[in-house]
Amino acid sequence: MSLLDSRWACSAGCLEAAALARLEHLCAIRIPAPQHRVPLGLLMLSRGYIDEQQLQTVLITQRDAGGGKLGSWALKLVRDRAPVAERFESAVVVSGPGPADPA
């Protein structure tokens, strides 16, 4: 007799079946990976899409407006400078969808 998970198995065959069932159960358990989210402003800053002054301007505009997505505000502020706008758009697309606008 053998003991597995506080249960006795009467033979090697029973032990093998119990061990297999336990292994299948353990393999089926999915532990969610931690999500490390980098704020979009820091991502754009670290990749050189914007400088600190531009980030501060966007953050102040976002705050003064009462919210909204940072990427949307960044695009609105730099729409007249095409190369910068394209870099912002690519940063927003790469970072993926964010939470819904609070407005």
Protein backbone atom coordinates (compact mmCIF):
# COMPACT_ATOMS: atom_id res chain seq x y z
CA MET A 1 0.00 0.00 0.00
CA SER A 2 1.12 3.52 -0.81
CA LEU A 3 -0.05 6.94 0.32
CA LEU A 4 -0.80 9.79 -2.12
CA ASP A 5 -2.63 12.99 -1.15
CA SER A 6 -3.70 11.46 2.16
CA ARG A 7 -5.26 8.50 0.36
CA TRP A 8 -4.05 4.95 0.29
CA ALA A 9 -3.56 3.11 -2.97
CA CYS A 10 -4.06 -0.64 -2.82
CA SER A 11 -1.60 -1.49 -5.60
CA ALA A 12 0.96 -0.05 -7.99
CA GLY A 13 -1.76 0.29 -10.62
CA CYS A 14 -4.03 2.24 -8.27
CA LEU A 15 -1.10 4.43 -7.20
CA GLU A 16 -0.22 5.11 -10.83
CA ALA A 17 -3.82 6.03 -11.67
CA ALA A 18 -4.07 8.34 -8.62
CA ALA A 19 -0.72 9.97 -9.44
CA LEU A 20 -1.78 10.50 -13.05
CA ALA A 21 -5.09 12.05 -11.97
CA ARG A 22 -3.25 14.36 -9.56
CA LEU A 23 -0.74 15.36 -12.24
CA GLU A 24 -3.50 16.13 -14.73
CA HIS A 25 -5.21 18.28 -12.09
CA LEU A 26 -2.00 20.19 -11.37
CA CYS A 27 -1.31 20.74 -15.06
CA ALA A 28 -4.80 22.14 -15.55
CA ILE A 29 -4.30 24.86 -12.94
CA ARG A 30 -3.41 28.14 -14.61
CA ILE A 31 -1.68 30.76 -12.53
CA PRO A 32 -2.16 34.17 -14.13
CA ALA A 33 1.07 35.92 -15.00
CA PRO A 34 1.52 39.25 -13.25
CA GLN A 35 0.83 42.18 -15.51
CA HIS A 36 3.45 44.88 -15.41
CA ARG A 37 1.92 47.86 -17.07
CA VAL A 38 4.15 50.77 -18.05
CA PRO A 39 2.30 54.08 -18.31
CA LEU A 40 2.10 55.28 -21.91
CA GLY A 41 3.76 58.60 -21.12
CA LEU A 42 6.80 56.88 -19.65
CA LEU A 43 6.91 54.48 -22.58
CA MET A 44 6.88 57.31 -25.11
CA LEU A 45 9.49 59.22 -23.09
CA SER A 46 11.82 56.22 -22.75
CA ARG A 47 11.62 55.48 -26.48
CA GLY A 48 12.33 59.07 -27.47
CA TYR A 49 8.91 59.81 -28.98
CA ILE A 50 8.59 62.84 -26.72
CA ASP A 51 10.80 64.79 -24.34
CA GLU A 52 10.07 65.65 -20.71
CA GLN A 53 8.60 69.07 -21.55
CA GLN A 54 6.19 67.56 -24.09
CA LEU A 55 5.12 64.89 -21.60
CA GLN A 56 4.49 67.53 -18.93
CA THR A 57 2.43 69.57 -21.41
CA VAL A 58 0.31 66.55 -22.33
CA LEU A 59 -0.19 65.56 -18.68
CA ILE A 60 -1.22 69.10 -17.68
CA THR A 61 -3.65 69.30 -20.63
CA GLN A 62 -5.12 65.91 -19.71
CA ARG A 63 -5.53 66.95 -16.07
CA ASP A 64 -7.04 70.34 -16.93
CA ALA A 65 -9.55 68.67 -19.26
CA GLY A 66 -10.62 66.29 -16.49
CA GLY A 67 -9.29 63.07 -18.01
CA GLY A 68 -9.16 61.22 -21.28
CA LYS A 69 -6.52 58.99 -22.79
CA LEU A 70 -2.99 60.32 -22.73
CA GLY A 71 -2.33 59.13 -26.29
CA SER A 72 -5.36 61.03 -27.58
CA TRP A 73 -4.22 64.24 -25.91
CA ALA A 74 -0.69 63.77 -27.23
CA LEU A 75 -1.98 63.36 -30.77
CA LYS A 76 -4.16 66.47 -30.50
CA LEU A 77 -1.23 68.56 -29.27
CA VAL A 78 1.20 67.49 -32.00
CA ARG A 79 -1.14 67.05 -34.98
CA ASP A 80 0.56 69.93 -36.81
CA ARG A 81 3.97 68.21 -36.65
CA ALA A 82 3.51 65.13 -38.87
CA PRO A 83 6.68 63.16 -37.95
CA VAL A 84 5.98 63.54 -34.24
CA ALA A 85 2.30 62.61 -34.72
CA GLU A 86 3.29 59.46 -36.59
CA ARG A 87 5.62 58.43 -33.76
CA PHE A 88 2.85 59.07 -31.20
CA GLU A 89 0.40 56.99 -33.23
CA SER A 90 2.84 54.09 -33.43
CA ALA A 91 3.45 54.29 -29.67
CA VAL A 92 -0.28 54.20 -28.97
CA VAL A 93 -0.81 51.22 -31.29
CA VAL A 94 2.17 49.29 -29.86
CA SER A 95 1.03 49.77 -26.27
CA GLY A 96 -2.38 48.31 -27.02
CA PRO A 97 -5.82 49.37 -25.84
CA GLY A 98 -6.03 51.09 -22.50
CA PRO A 99 -8.89 51.46 -20.05
CA ALA A 100 -11.98 53.27 -21.28
CA ASP A 101 -12.10 57.04 -21.07
CA PRO A 102 -13.61 58.18 -17.77
CA ALA A 103 -15.66 60.85 -19.58
